[in-house]
């Protein structure tokens, strides 16, 4: 089972990682000025990860595939790691869809 891990940044903000059951980070958030903003971001991931249309599949300058998860207003909620193949990226998207809705939240801030 996946989990959201909240942590503090060096700039004093908060952010979260969504980790799969094996501990691998599958989605990283932006930095939030407040804990409430961070928790709202987690709820947004839970909601938006159910809609495949919210995942934007992209390619980095070096050709590596990755994805972002966007809110209804188009704002990026989180970004994946860089993958070695499109199929690995698609597996990452499926992992977010599977893990996000029921993932527990661990506050390490």
Protein backbone atom coordinates (compact mmCIF):
# COMPACT_ATOMS: atom_id res chain seq x y z
CA UNK A 1 0.00 0.00 0.00
CA UNK A 2 1.28 3.45 -0.90
CA UNK A 3 1.73 6.46 1.33
CA UNK A 4 2.11 10.20 1.14
CA UNK A 5 5.18 11.42 3.01
CA UNK A 6 5.14 15.07 4.03
CA UNK A 7 8.51 16.70 4.65
CA UNK A 8 10.02 20.13 5.14
CA UNK A 9 12.19 21.75 2.48
CA UNK A 10 15.43 23.61 3.16
CA UNK A 11 13.51 26.84 2.48
CA UNK A 12 11.09 26.13 5.35
CA UNK A 13 8.18 25.07 3.16
CA UNK A 14 6.42 21.70 3.03
CA UNK A 15 6.06 19.21 0.20
CA UNK A 16 5.09 15.58 -0.24
CA UNK A 17 6.12 12.46 -2.09
CA UNK A 18 3.69 9.72 -3.01
CA UNK A 19 5.45 6.40 -2.55
CA UNK A 20 4.38 3.02 -3.89
CA UNK A 21 4.13 0.01 -1.61
CA UNK A 22 7.77 -0.86 -2.40
CA UNK A 23 8.91 2.56 -1.14
CA UNK A 24 9.69 4.02 -4.56
CA UNK A 25 8.71 7.68 -5.08
CA UNK A 26 6.11 7.84 -7.86
CA UNK A 27 5.01 11.49 -7.59
CA UNK A 28 6.63 14.60 -6.08
CA UNK A 29 4.70 17.76 -5.25
CA UNK A 30 5.59 21.40 -5.49
CA UNK A 31 6.61 23.25 -2.31
CA UNK A 32 3.80 24.70 -0.24
CA UNK A 33 3.99 27.73 2.05
CA UNK A 34 1.68 26.10 4.63
CA UNK A 35 0.80 22.66 5.94
CA UNK A 36 -2.84 23.27 4.95
CA UNK A 37 -1.75 23.89 1.37
CA UNK A 38 0.27 20.67 1.40
CA UNK A 39 -2.68 18.66 2.75
CA UNK A 40 -4.95 20.22 0.11
CA UNK A 41 -2.42 19.12 -2.51
CA UNK A 42 -2.62 15.54 -1.23
CA UNK A 43 -6.42 15.61 -1.44
CA UNK A 44 -6.12 16.99 -4.97
CA UNK A 45 -3.88 14.06 -5.93
CA UNK A 46 -6.42 11.62 -4.46
CA UNK A 47 -9.22 13.21 -6.51
CA UNK A 48 -7.42 13.88 -9.80
CA UNK A 49 -5.51 10.59 -9.99
CA UNK A 50 -8.79 8.84 -10.76
CA UNK A 51 -9.00 10.64 -14.13
CA UNK A 52 -6.50 9.53 -16.79
CA UNK A 53 -7.08 12.85 -18.57
CA UNK A 54 -5.39 14.68 -15.68
CA UNK A 55 -2.06 12.93 -16.43
CA UNK A 56 0.05 14.83 -18.93
CA UNK A 57 2.65 12.65 -20.62
CA UNK A 58 5.81 14.59 -21.45
CA UNK A 59 9.34 14.16 -22.76
CA UNK A 60 12.37 15.83 -21.19
CA UNK A 61 15.07 17.52 -23.27
CA UNK A 62 17.21 14.39 -23.02
CA UNK A 63 14.35 12.27 -24.39
CA UNK A 64 13.32 10.74 -21.06
CA UNK A 65 9.57 10.26 -20.64
CA UNK A 66 7.87 11.59 -17.51
CA UNK A 67 4.43 12.80 -16.46
CA UNK A 68 2.71 15.47 -14.46
CA UNK A 69 -0.62 15.21 -12.65
CA UNK A 70 -2.74 18.31 -13.16
CA UNK A 71 -5.73 19.72 -11.33
CA UNK A 72 -8.96 20.61 -13.14
CA UNK A 73 -7.66 24.19 -13.55
CA UNK A 74 -4.50 22.90 -15.29
CA UNK A 75 -2.16 23.57 -12.36
CA UNK A 76 0.51 20.91 -11.86
CA UNK A 77 -0.04 19.04 -8.59
CA UNK A 78 2.90 16.68 -8.90
CA UNK A 79 5.60 15.37 -11.22
CA UNK A 80 7.10 11.94 -11.72
CA UNK A 81 10.72 10.91 -11.99
CA UNK A 82 12.35 10.56 -15.40
CA UNK A 83 11.76 7.12 -16.90
CA UNK A 84 13.84 5.05 -19.30
CA UNK A 85 10.87 4.11 -21.50
CA UNK A 86 7.29 5.07 -22.28
CA UNK A 87 6.04 1.75 -20.91
CA UNK A 88 7.84 2.40 -17.59
CA UNK A 89 6.18 5.84 -17.46
CA UNK A 90 2.76 4.27 -18.10
CA UNK A 91 3.44 1.83 -15.24
CA UNK A 92 4.22 4.85 -13.05
CA UNK A 93 0.88 6.45 -13.95
CA UNK A 94 -0.94 3.21 -13.14
CA UNK A 95 0.89 3.07 -9.81
CA UNK A 96 -0.29 6.60 -8.92
CA UNK A 97 -3.87 5.66 -9.87
CA UNK A 98 -3.66 2.53 -7.72
CA UNK A 99 -1.88 3.98 -4.67
CA UNK A 100 -3.11 7.57 -4.30
CA UNK A 101 -6.80 7.10 -3.39
CA UNK A 102 -6.19 5.08 -0.21
CA UNK A 103 -2.63 6.03 0.69
CA UNK A 104 -1.97 6.90 4.32
CA UNK A 105 -0.30 10.22 5.18
CA UNK A 106 2.94 10.24 7.16
CA UNK A 107 4.05 13.65 8.44
CA UNK A 108 7.85 13.84 8.63
CA UNK A 109 8.02 17.66 8.50
